[in-house]
Amino acid sequence: MVAGRTALLLAALLAIGVGCQASLQDRLVGTYVAKLETPERSDLPTQLQQNVLDSMLSIQLELRKDGTFSSNLFPPATFEGRWRLDGLTLILEPERVGDLK
């Protein structure tokens, strides 16, 4: 009898855990951008050079609800693939690498 109750309790806890992880995964869907902040420059050539540098140092990660992602984590390359949660760890599984368009 105790083993049956223990198994039922473990099944309930597992169901709650799976539900919480699915809810967390739904909340993570979106686009994330990390950008290095640099001081403004007044002269045009330096400003243009800085804009190019800023675009190279801007990192974007898009997590989609269908479990796929796209990113430019290592410019100028882009990555696409699948993502999943392992507990509280985000796992990116690249399937295709390309160049920035």
PDB file of N, CA and C in Angstrom:
ATOM      1  N   MET A   1       0.816  -1.184   0.000  1.00  0.00           N
ATOM      2  CA  MET A   1       0.000   0.000   0.000  1.00  0.00           C
ATOM      3  C   MET A   1       0.869   1.261   0.000  1.00  0.00           C
ATOM      4  N   VAL A   2       1.922   1.271   0.822  1.00  0.00           N
ATOM      5  CA  VAL A   2       2.810   2.429   0.900  1.00  0.00           C
ATOM      6  C   VAL A   2       3.535   2.630  -0.424  1.00  0.00           C
ATOM      7  N   ALA A   3       3.949   1.529  -1.061  1.00  0.00           N
ATOM      8  CA  ALA A   3       4.645   1.627  -2.352  1.00  0.00           C
ATOM      9  C   ALA A   3       3.725   2.230  -3.406  1.00  0.00           C
ATOM     10  N   GLY A   4       2.446   1.884  -3.374  1.00  0.00           N
ATOM     11  CA  GLY A   4       1.477   2.440  -4.325  1.00  0.00           C
ATOM     12  C   GLY A   4       1.306   3.936  -4.133  1.00  0.00           C
ATOM     13  N   ARG A   5       1.230   4.367  -2.873  1.00  0.00           N
ATOM     14  CA  ARG A   5       1.093   5.803  -2.575  1.00  0.00           C
ATOM     15  C   ARG A   5       2.354   6.556  -2.979  1.00  0.00           C
ATOM     16  N   THR A   6       3.510   5.949  -2.724  1.00  0.00           N
ATOM     17  CA  THR A   6       4.779   6.578  -3.093  1.00  0.00           C
ATOM     18  C   THR A   6       4.876   6.734  -4.607  1.00  0.00           C
ATOM     19  N   ALA A   7       4.480   5.696  -5.335  1.00  0.00           N
ATOM     20  CA  ALA A   7       4.517   5.765  -6.801  1.00  0.00           C
ATOM     21  C   ALA A   7       3.558   6.835  -7.314  1.00  0.00           C
ATOM     22  N   LEU A   8       2.377   6.927  -6.702  1.00  0.00           N
ATOM     23  CA  LEU A   8       1.400   7.938  -7.102  1.00  0.00           C
ATOM     24  C   LEU A   8       1.929   9.342  -6.815  1.00  0.00           C
ATOM     25  N   LEU A   9       2.558   9.517  -5.659  1.00  0.00           N
ATOM     26  CA  LEU A   9       3.133  10.809  -5.303  1.00  0.00           C
ATOM     27  C   LEU A   9       4.253  11.189  -6.267  1.00  0.00           C
ATOM     28  N   LEU A  10       5.123  10.238  -6.597  1.00  0.00           N
ATOM     29  CA  LEU A  10       6.206  10.510  -7.546  1.00  0.00           C
ATOM     30  C   LEU A  10       5.658  10.856  -8.926  1.00  0.00           C
ATOM     31  N   ALA A  11       4.608  10.169  -9.359  1.00  0.00           N
ATOM     32  CA  ALA A  11       3.990  10.468 -10.657  1.00  0.00           C
ATOM     33  C   ALA A  11       3.399  11.877 -10.662  1.00  0.00           C
ATOM     34  N   ALA A  12       2.764  12.261  -9.556  1.00  0.00           N
ATOM     35  CA  ALA A  12       2.190  13.607  -9.458  1.00  0.00           C
ATOM     36  C   ALA A  12       3.283  14.668  -9.484  1.00  0.00           C
ATOM     37  N   LEU A  13       4.368  14.443  -8.751  1.00  0.00           N
ATOM     38  CA  LEU A  13       5.479  15.400  -8.743  1.00  0.00           C
ATOM     39  C   LEU A  13       6.124  15.512 -10.118  1.00  0.00           C
ATOM     40  N   LEU A  14       6.260  14.398 -10.807  1.00  0.00           N
ATOM     41  CA  LEU A  14       6.816  14.410 -12.156  1.00  0.00           C
ATOM     42  C   LEU A  14       5.916  15.202 -13.101  1.00  0.00           C
ATOM     43  N   ALA A  15       4.609  15.012 -12.994  1.00  0.00           N
ATOM     44  CA  ALA A  15       3.667  15.747 -13.845  1.00  0.00           C
ATOM     45  C   ALA A  15       3.744  17.243 -13.571  1.00  0.00           C
ATOM     46  N   ILE A  16       3.858  17.612 -12.301  1.00  0.00           N
ATOM     47  CA  ILE A  16       3.994  19.030 -11.950  1.00  0.00           C
ATOM     48  C   ILE A  16       5.296  19.580 -12.517  1.00  0.00           C
ATOM     49  N   GLY A  17       6.379  18.822 -12.379  1.00  0.00           N
ATOM     50  CA  GLY A  17       7.679  19.263 -12.905  1.00  0.00           C
ATOM     51  C   GLY A  17       7.656  19.443 -14.406  1.00  0.00           C
ATOM     52  N   VAL A  18       7.052  18.509 -15.122  1.00  0.00           N
ATOM     53  CA  VAL A  18       6.955  18.616 -16.581  1.00  0.00           C
ATOM     54  C   VAL A  18       6.111  19.825 -16.955  1.00  0.00           C
ATOM     55  N   GLY A  19       5.015  20.045 -16.241  1.00  0.00           N
ATOM     56  CA  GLY A  19       4.164  21.211 -16.501  1.00  0.00           C
ATOM     57  C   GLY A  19       4.891  22.512 -16.250  1.00  0.00           C
ATOM     58  N   CYS A  20       5.663  22.581 -15.171  1.00  0.00           N
ATOM     59  CA  CYS A  20       6.438  23.789 -14.864  1.00  0.00           C
ATOM     60  C   CYS A  20       7.494  24.038 -15.930  1.00  0.00           C
ATOM     61  N   GLN A  21       8.157  22.984 -16.398  1.00  0.00           N
ATOM     62  CA  GLN A  21       9.190  23.152 -17.414  1.00  0.00           C
ATOM     63  C   GLN A  21       8.569  23.615 -18.724  1.00  0.00           C
ATOM     64  N   ALA A  22       7.402  23.075 -19.086  1.00  0.00           N
ATOM     65  CA  ALA A  22       6.726  23.507 -20.315  1.00  0.00           C
ATOM     66  C   ALA A  22       6.336  24.972 -20.204  1.00  0.00           C
ATOM     67  N   SER A  23       5.866  25.380 -19.034  1.00  0.00           N
ATOM     68  CA  SER A  23       5.501  26.781 -18.821  1.00  0.00           C
ATOM     69  C   SER A  23       6.729  27.677 -18.930  1.00  0.00           C
ATOM     70  N   LEU A  24       7.849  27.253 -18.362  1.00  0.00           N
ATOM     71  CA  LEU A  24       9.090  28.020 -18.444  1.00  0.00           C
ATOM     72  C   LEU A  24       9.554  28.110 -19.892  1.00  0.00           C
ATOM     73  N   GLN A  25       9.451  27.007 -20.620  1.00  0.00           N
ATOM     74  CA  GLN A  25       9.865  26.998 -22.024  1.00  0.00           C
ATOM     75  C   GLN A  25       9.012  27.978 -22.831  1.00  0.00           C
ATOM     76  N   ASP A  26       7.704  28.023 -22.569  1.00  0.00           N
ATOM     77  CA  ASP A  26       6.829  28.977 -23.258  1.00  0.00           C
ATOM     78  C   ASP A  26       7.222  30.413 -22.939  1.00  0.00           C
ATOM     79  N   ARG A  27       7.640  30.663 -21.724  1.00  0.00           N
ATOM     80  CA  ARG A  27       8.029  32.023 -21.323  1.00  0.00           C
ATOM     81  C   ARG A  27       9.350  32.460 -21.945  1.00  0.00           C
ATOM     82  N   LEU A  28      10.191  31.515 -22.322  1.00  0.00           N
ATOM     83  CA  LEU A  28      11.489  31.857 -22.910  1.00  0.00           C
ATOM     84  C   LEU A  28      11.399  32.226 -24.386  1.00  0.00           C
ATOM     85  N   VAL A  29      10.282  31.919 -25.038  1.00  0.00           N
ATOM     86  CA  VAL A  29      10.124  32.216 -26.464  1.00  0.00           C
ATOM     87  C   VAL A  29      10.239  33.718 -26.679  1.00  0.00           C
ATOM     88  N   GLY A  30      11.055  34.125 -27.658  1.00  0.00           N
ATOM     89  CA  GLY A  30      11.229  35.541 -27.966  1.00  0.00           C
ATOM     90  C   GLY A  30      12.590  35.802 -28.572  1.00  0.00           C
ATOM     91  N   THR A  31      12.887  37.080 -28.752  1.00  0.00           N
ATOM     92  CA  THR A  31      14.163  37.495 -29.324  1.00  0.00           C
ATOM     93  C   THR A  31      14.965  38.228 -28.259  1.00  0.00           C
ATOM     94  N   TYR A  32      16.211  37.850 -28.129  1.00  0.00           N
ATOM     95  CA  TYR A  32      17.115  38.460 -27.162  1.00  0.00           C
ATOM     96  C   TYR A  32      18.273  39.104 -27.913  1.00  0.00           C
ATOM     97  N   VAL A  33      18.640  40.322 -27.515  1.00  0.00           N
ATOM     98  CA  VAL A  33      19.738  41.032 -28.171  1.00  0.00           C
ATOM     99  C   VAL A  33      20.693  41.534 -27.099  1.00  0.00           C
ATOM    100  N   ALA A  34      21.967  41.245 -27.288  1.00  0.00           N
ATOM    101  CA  ALA A  34      23.018  41.772 -26.412  1.00  0.00           C
ATOM    102  C   ALA A  34      23.895  42.670 -27.268  1.00  0.00           C
ATOM    103  N   LYS A  35      24.109  43.881 -26.806  1.00  0.00           N
ATOM    104  CA  LYS A  35      24.880  44.831 -27.601  1.00  0.00           C
ATOM    105  C   LYS A  35      25.898  45.531 -26.709  1.00  0.00           C
ATOM    106  N   LEU A  36      27.097  45.657 -27.221  1.00  0.00           N
ATOM    107  CA  LEU A  36      28.150  46.359 -26.507  1.00  0.00           C
ATOM    108  C   LEU A  36      27.911  47.856 -26.625  1.00  0.00           C
ATOM    109  N   GLU A  37      27.840  48.539 -25.520  1.00  0.00           N
ATOM    110  CA  GLU A  37      27.651  49.990 -25.537  1.00  0.00           C
ATOM    111  C   GLU A  37      29.002  50.679 -25.701  1.00  0.00           C
ATOM    112  N   THR A  38      29.060  51.624 -26.638  1.00  0.00           N
ATOM    113  CA  THR A  38      30.288  52.383 -26.874  1.00  0.00           C
ATOM    114  C   THR A  38      29.959  53.865 -26.845  1.00  0.00           C
ATOM    115  N   PRO A  39      30.913  54.702 -26.457  1.00  0.00           N
ATOM    116  CA  PRO A  39      30.654  56.139 -26.407  1.00  0.00           C
ATOM    117  C   PRO A  39      30.427  56.709 -27.806  1.00  0.00           C
ATOM    118  N   GLU A  40      29.609  57.747 -27.889  1.00  0.00           N
ATOM    119  CA  GLU A  40      29.337  58.424 -29.161  1.00  0.00           C
ATOM    120  C   GLU A  40      30.575  59.179 -29.637  1.00  0.00           C
ATOM    121  N   ARG A  41      30.788  59.152 -30.933  1.00  0.00           N
ATOM    122  CA  ARG A  41      31.882  59.900 -31.564  1.00  0.00           C
ATOM    123  C   ARG A  41      31.269  61.019 -32.398  1.00  0.00           C
ATOM    124  N   SER A  42      31.951  62.136 -32.473  1.00  0.00           N
ATOM    125  CA  SER A  42      31.387  63.284 -33.180  1.00  0.00           C
ATOM    126  C   SER A  42      31.767  63.335 -34.657  1.00  0.00           C
ATOM    127  N   ASP A  43      32.937  62.835 -35.033  1.00  0.00           N
ATOM    128  CA  ASP A  43      33.327  62.939 -36.440  1.00  0.00           C
ATOM    129  C   ASP A  43      32.762  61.759 -37.235  1.00  0.00           C
ATOM    130  N   LEU A  44      32.336  62.018 -38.480  1.00  0.00           N
ATOM    131  CA  LEU A  44      31.634  61.046 -39.311  1.00  0.00           C
ATOM    132  C   LEU A  44      32.431  59.771 -39.595  1.00  0.00           C
ATOM    133  N   PRO A  45      33.714  59.829 -40.014  1.00  0.00           N
ATOM    134  CA  PRO A  45      34.441  58.575 -40.281  1.00  0.00           C
ATOM    135  C   PRO A  45      34.521  57.658 -39.059  1.00  0.00           C
ATOM    136  N   THR A  46      34.779  58.237 -37.917  1.00  0.00           N
ATOM    137  CA  THR A  46      34.858  57.435 -36.695  1.00  0.00           C
ATOM    138  C   THR A  46      33.488  56.875 -36.345  1.00  0.00           C
ATOM    139  N   GLN A  47      32.446  57.660 -36.570  1.00  0.00           N
ATOM    140  CA  GLN A  47      31.083  57.222 -36.290  1.00  0.00           C
ATOM    141  C   GLN A  47      30.691  56.041 -37.191  1.00  0.00           C
ATOM    142  N   LEU A  48      31.041  56.112 -38.475  1.00  0.00           N
ATOM    143  CA  LEU A  48      30.751  55.013 -39.399  1.00  0.00           C
ATOM    144  C   LEU A  48      31.506  53.751 -38.997  1.00  0.00           C
ATOM    145  N   GLN A  49      32.770  53.936 -38.653  1.00  0.00           N
ATOM    146  CA  GLN A  49      33.586  52.798 -38.209  1.00  0.00           C
ATOM    147  C   GLN A  49      32.977  52.178 -36.946  1.00  0.00           C
ATOM    148  N   GLN A  50      32.524  53.023 -36.046  1.00  0.00           N
ATOM    149  CA  GLN A  50      31.931  52.540 -34.802  1.00  0.00           C
ATOM    150  C   GLN A  50      30.619  51.800 -35.069  1.00  0.00           C
ATOM    151  N   ASN A  51      29.818  52.284 -36.035  1.00  0.00           N
ATOM    152  CA  ASN A  51      28.559  51.613 -36.376  1.00  0.00           C
ATOM    153  C   ASN A  51      28.812  50.203 -36.901  1.00  0.00           C
ATOM    154  N   VAL A  52      29.843  50.047 -37.732  1.00  0.00           N
ATOM    155  CA  VAL A  52      30.196  48.721 -38.250  1.00  0.00           C
ATOM    156  C   VAL A  52      30.633  47.817 -37.104  1.00  0.00           C
ATOM    157  N   LEU A  53      31.471  48.342 -36.220  1.00  0.00           N
ATOM    158  CA  LEU A  53      31.935  47.572 -35.069  1.00  0.00           C
ATOM    159  C   LEU A  53      30.762  47.182 -34.172  1.00  0.00           C
ATOM    160  N   ASP A  54      29.848  48.130 -33.934  1.00  0.00           N
ATOM    161  CA  ASP A  54      28.679  47.841 -33.097  1.00  0.00           C
ATOM    162  C   ASP A  54      27.832  46.721 -33.684  1.00  0.00           C
ATOM    163  N   SER A  55      27.633  46.746 -35.008  1.00  0.00           N
ATOM    164  CA  SER A  55      26.812  45.704 -35.635  1.00  0.00           C
ATOM    165  C   SER A  55      27.493  44.343 -35.542  1.00  0.00           C
ATOM    166  N   MET A  56      28.808  44.320 -35.562  1.00  0.00           N
ATOM    167  CA  MET A  56      29.533  43.055 -35.437  1.00  0.00           C
ATOM    168  C   MET A  56      29.485  42.530 -34.005  1.00  0.00           C
ATOM    169  N   LEU A  57      29.370  43.444 -33.045  1.00  0.00           N
ATOM    170  CA  LEU A  57      29.376  43.043 -31.643  1.00  0.00           C
ATOM    171  C   LEU A  57      27.972  42.858 -31.076  1.00  0.00           C
ATOM    172  N   SER A  58      26.950  43.044 -31.898  1.00  0.00           N
ATOM    173  CA  SER A  58      25.574  42.837 -31.476  1.00  0.00           C
ATOM    174  C   SER A  58      25.219  41.363 -31.667  1.00  0.00           C
ATOM    175  N   ILE A  59      24.792  40.730 -30.614  1.00  0.00           N
ATOM    176  CA  ILE A  59      24.467  39.310 -30.656  1.00  0.00           C
ATOM    177  C   ILE A  59      22.954  39.156 -30.503  1.00  0.00           C
ATOM    178  N   GLN A  60      22.358  38.356 -31.368  1.00  0.00           N
ATOM    179  CA  GLN A  60      20.915  38.148 -31.330  1.00  0.00           C
ATOM    180  C   GLN A  60      20.608  36.658 -31.257  1.00  0.00           C
ATOM    181  N   LEU A  61      19.644  36.322 -30.424  1.00  0.00           N
ATOM    182  CA  LEU A  61      19.191  34.939 -30.283  1.00  0.00           C
ATOM    183  C   LEU A  61      17.672  34.946 -30.313  1.00  0.00           C
ATOM    184  N   GLU A  62      17.089  34.224 -31.254  1.00  0.00           N
ATOM    185  CA  GLU A  62      15.631  34.116 -31.355  1.00  0.00           C
ATOM    186  C   GLU A  62      15.223  32.685 -31.031  1.00  0.00           C
ATOM    187  N   LEU A  63      14.428  32.541 -29.968  1.00  0.00           N
ATOM    188  CA  LEU A  63      13.893  31.236 -29.574  1.00  0.00           C
ATOM    189  C   LEU A  63      12.441  31.177 -30.027  1.00  0.00           C
ATOM    190  N   ARG A  64      12.099  30.168 -30.820  1.00  0.00           N
ATOM    191  CA  ARG A  64      10.738  30.045 -31.351  1.00  0.00           C
ATOM    192  C   ARG A  64       9.951  28.980 -30.579  1.00  0.00           C
ATOM    193  N   LYS A  65       8.642  29.150 -30.588  1.00  0.00           N
ATOM    194  CA  LYS A  65       7.758  28.247 -29.840  1.00  0.00           C
ATOM    195  C   LYS A  65       7.835  26.802 -30.335  1.00  0.00           C
ATOM    196  N   ASP A  66       8.163  26.609 -31.622  1.00  0.00           N
ATOM    197  CA  ASP A  66       8.232  25.248 -32.175  1.00  0.00           C
ATOM    198  C   ASP A  66       9.521  24.514 -31.789  1.00  0.00           C
ATOM    199  N   GLY A  67      10.352  25.154 -30.942  1.00  0.00           N
ATOM    200  CA  GLY A  67      11.575  24.504 -30.475  1.00  0.00           C
ATOM    201  C   GLY A  67      12.785  24.746 -31.357  1.00  0.00           C
ATOM    202  N   THR A  68      12.673  25.675 -32.324  1.00  0.00           N
ATOM    203  CA  THR A  68      13.814  26.012 -33.172  1.00  0.00           C
ATOM    204  C   THR A  68      14.378  27.360 -32.741  1.00  0.00           C
ATOM    205  N   PHE A  69      15.608  27.644 -33.168  1.00  0.00           N
ATOM    206  CA  PHE A  69      16.233  28.924 -32.860  1.00  0.00           C
ATOM    207  C   PHE A  69      17.053  29.388 -34.049  1.00  0.00           C
ATOM    208  N   SER A  70      17.345  30.685 -34.058  1.00  0.00           N
ATOM    209  CA  SER A  70      18.325  31.248 -34.988  1.00  0.00           C
ATOM    210  C   SER A  70      19.142  32.261 -34.204  1.00  0.00           C
ATOM    211  N   SER A  71      20.400  32.394 -34.585  1.00  0.00           N
ATOM    212  CA  SER A  71      21.293  33.256 -33.825  1.00  0.00           C
ATOM    213  C   SER A  71      22.493  33.663 -34.654  1.00  0.00           C
ATOM    214  N   ASN A  72      23.076  34.773 -34.262  1.00  0.00           N
ATOM    215  CA  ASN A  72      24.372  35.186 -34.787  1.00  0.00           C
ATOM    216  C   ASN A  72      25.341  35.294 -33.609  1.00  0.00           C
ATOM    217  N   LEU A  73      25.407  34.249 -32.804  1.00  0.00           N
ATOM    218  CA  LEU A  73      26.237  34.264 -31.596  1.00  0.00           C
ATOM    219  C   LEU A  73      27.704  34.527 -31.881  1.00  0.00           C
ATOM    220  N   PHE A  74      28.175  34.109 -33.040  1.00  0.00           N
ATOM    221  CA  PHE A  74      29.569  34.326 -33.401  1.00  0.00           C
ATOM    222  C   PHE A  74      29.630  34.989 -34.774  1.00  0.00           C
ATOM    223  N   PRO A  75      29.342  36.328 -34.847  1.00  0.00           N
ATOM    224  CA  PRO A  75      29.352  37.005 -36.152  1.00  0.00           C
ATOM    225  C   PRO A  75      30.683  36.796 -36.856  1.00  0.00           C
ATOM    226  N   PRO A  76      30.695  36.640 -38.181  1.00  0.00           N
ATOM    227  CA  PRO A  76      29.586  36.858 -39.110  1.00  0.00           C
ATOM    228  C   PRO A  76      28.788  35.601 -39.416  1.00  0.00           C
ATOM    229  N   ALA A  77      28.921  34.540 -38.654  1.00  0.00           N
ATOM    230  CA  ALA A  77      28.186  33.301 -38.935  1.00  0.00           C
ATOM    231  C   ALA A  77      26.819  33.315 -38.256  1.00  0.00           C
ATOM    232  N   THR A  78      25.858  32.659 -38.874  1.00  0.00           N
ATOM    233  CA  THR A  78      24.541  32.471 -38.273  1.00  0.00           C
ATOM    234  C   THR A  78      24.365  30.988 -37.956  1.00  0.00           C
ATOM    235  N   PHE A  79      23.578  30.723 -36.952  1.00  0.00           N
ATOM    236  CA  PHE A  79      23.301  29.351 -36.540  1.00  0.00           C
ATOM    237  C   PHE A  79      21.797  29.153 -36.484  1.00  0.00           C
ATOM    238  N   GLU A  80      21.342  28.007 -36.928  1.00  0.00           N
ATOM    239  CA  GLU A  80      19.941  27.621 -36.792  1.00  0.00           C
ATOM    240  C   GLU A  80      19.903  26.187 -36.293  1.00  0.00           C
ATOM    241  N   GLY A  81      18.892  25.887 -35.519  1.00  0.00           N
ATOM    242  CA  GLY A  81      18.778  24.530 -35.013  1.00  0.00           C
ATOM    243  C   GLY A  81      17.629  24.407 -34.045  1.00  0.00           C
ATOM    244  N   ARG A  82      17.771  23.493 -33.105  1.00  0.00           N
ATOM    245  CA  ARG A  82      16.724  23.227 -32.128  1.00  0.00           C
ATOM    246  C   ARG A  82      17.213  23.650 -30.743  1.00  0.00           C
ATOM    247  N   TRP A  83      16.267  24.017 -29.886  1.00  0.00           N
ATOM    248  CA  TRP A  83      16.601  24.352 -28.511  1.00  0.00           C
ATOM    249  C   TRP A  83      15.670  23.581 -27.580  1.00  0.00           C
ATOM    250  N   ARG A  84      16.179  23.360 -26.358  1.00  0.00           N
ATOM    251  CA  ARG A  84      15.392  22.664 -25.343  1.00  0.00           C
ATOM    252  C   ARG A  84      15.918  23.060 -23.974  1.00  0.00           C
ATOM    253  N   LEU A  85      15.131  22.752 -22.965  1.00  0.00           N
ATOM    254  CA  LEU A  85      15.545  22.973 -21.589  1.00  0.00           C
ATOM    255  C   LEU A  85      15.926  21.646 -20.961  1.00  0.00           C
ATOM    256  N   ASP A  86      17.004  21.669 -20.207  1.00  0.00           N
ATOM    257  CA  ASP A  86      17.407  20.537 -19.389  1.00  0.00           C
ATOM    258  C   ASP A  86      17.453  21.070 -17.966  1.00  0.00           C
ATOM    259  N   GLY A  87      16.348  20.936 -17.250  1.00  0.00           N
ATOM    260  CA  GLY A  87      16.235  21.591 -15.953  1.00  0.00           C
ATOM    261  C   GLY A  87      16.143  23.086 -16.191  1.00  0.00           C
ATOM    262  N   LEU A  88      17.097  23.839 -15.666  1.00  0.00           N
ATOM    263  CA  LEU A  88      17.143  25.285 -15.884  1.00  0.00           C
ATOM    264  C   LEU A  88      18.232  25.679 -16.877  1.00  0.00           C
ATOM    265  N   THR A  89      18.790  24.705 -17.586  1.00  0.00           N
ATOM    266  CA  THR A  89      19.856  24.966 -18.556  1.00  0.00           C
ATOM    267  C   THR A  89      19.275  24.985 -19.965  1.00  0.00           C
ATOM    268  N   LEU A  90      19.555  26.056 -20.700  1.00  0.00           N
ATOM    269  CA  LEU A  90      19.118  26.172 -22.086  1.00  0.00           C
ATOM    270  C   LEU A  90      20.146  25.480 -22.976  1.00  0.00           C
ATOM    271  N   ILE A  91      19.706  24.506 -23.752  1.00  0.00           N
ATOM    272  CA  ILE A  91      20.579  23.742 -24.644  1.00  0.00           C
ATOM    273  C   ILE A  91      20.279  24.149 -26.085  1.00  0.00           C
ATOM    274  N   LEU A  92      21.295  24.638 -26.799  1.00  0.00           N
ATOM    275  CA  LEU A  92      21.170  24.962 -28.217  1.00  0.00           C
ATOM    276  C   LEU A  92      21.840  23.851 -29.009  1.00  0.00           C
ATOM    277  N   GLU A  93      21.118  23.292 -29.969  1.00  0.00           N
ATOM    278  CA  GLU A  93      21.652  22.215 -30.803  1.00  0.00           C
ATOM    279  C   GLU A  93      21.690  22.699 -32.253  1.00  0.00           C
ATOM    280  N   PRO A  94      22.805  23.316 -32.680  1.00  0.00           N
ATOM    281  CA  PRO A  94      22.896  23.843 -34.050  1.00  0.00           C
ATOM    282  C   PRO A  94      22.776  22.730 -35.087  1.00  0.00           C
ATOM    283  N   GLU A  95      22.014  23.006 -36.141  1.00  0.00           N
ATOM    284  CA  GLU A  95      21.855  22.059 -37.241  1.00  0.00           C
ATOM    285  C   GLU A  95      22.375  22.624 -38.551  1.00  0.00           C
ATOM    286  N   ARG A  96      22.442  23.958 -38.636  1.00  0.00           N
ATOM    287  CA  ARG A  96      22.892  24.585 -39.873  1.00  0.00           C
ATOM    288  C   ARG A  96      23.660  25.860 -39.537  1.00  0.00           C
ATOM    289  N   VAL A  97      24.774  26.062 -40.221  1.00  0.00           N
ATOM    290  CA  VAL A  97      25.595  27.260 -40.052  1.00  0.00           C
ATOM    291  C   VAL A  97      25.652  27.965 -41.396  1.00  0.00           C
ATOM    292  N   GLY A  98      25.508  29.296 -41.377  1.00  0.00           N
ATOM    293  CA  GLY A  98      25.562  30.067 -42.618  1.00  0.00           C
ATOM    294  C   GLY A  98      26.221  31.408 -42.388  1.00  0.00           C
ATOM    295  N   ASP A  99      26.218  32.252 -43.416  1.00  0.00           N
ATOM    296  CA  ASP A  99      26.771  33.602 -43.326  1.00  0.00           C
ATOM    297  C   ASP A  99      25.649  34.596 -43.088  1.00  0.00           C
ATOM    298  N   LEU A 100      25.995  35.723 -42.444  1.00  0.00           N
ATOM    299  CA  LEU A 100      25.022  36.795 -42.273  1.00  0.00           C
ATOM    300  C   LEU A 100      24.574  37.296 -43.633  1.00  0.00           C
ATOM    301  N   LYS A 101      23.315  37.616 -43.740  1.00  0.00           N
ATOM    302  CA  LYS A 101      22.782  38.101 -45.021  1.00  0.00           C
ATOM    303  C   LYS A 101      22.798  39.599 -45.069  1.00  0.00           C
TER     304      LYS A 101
END
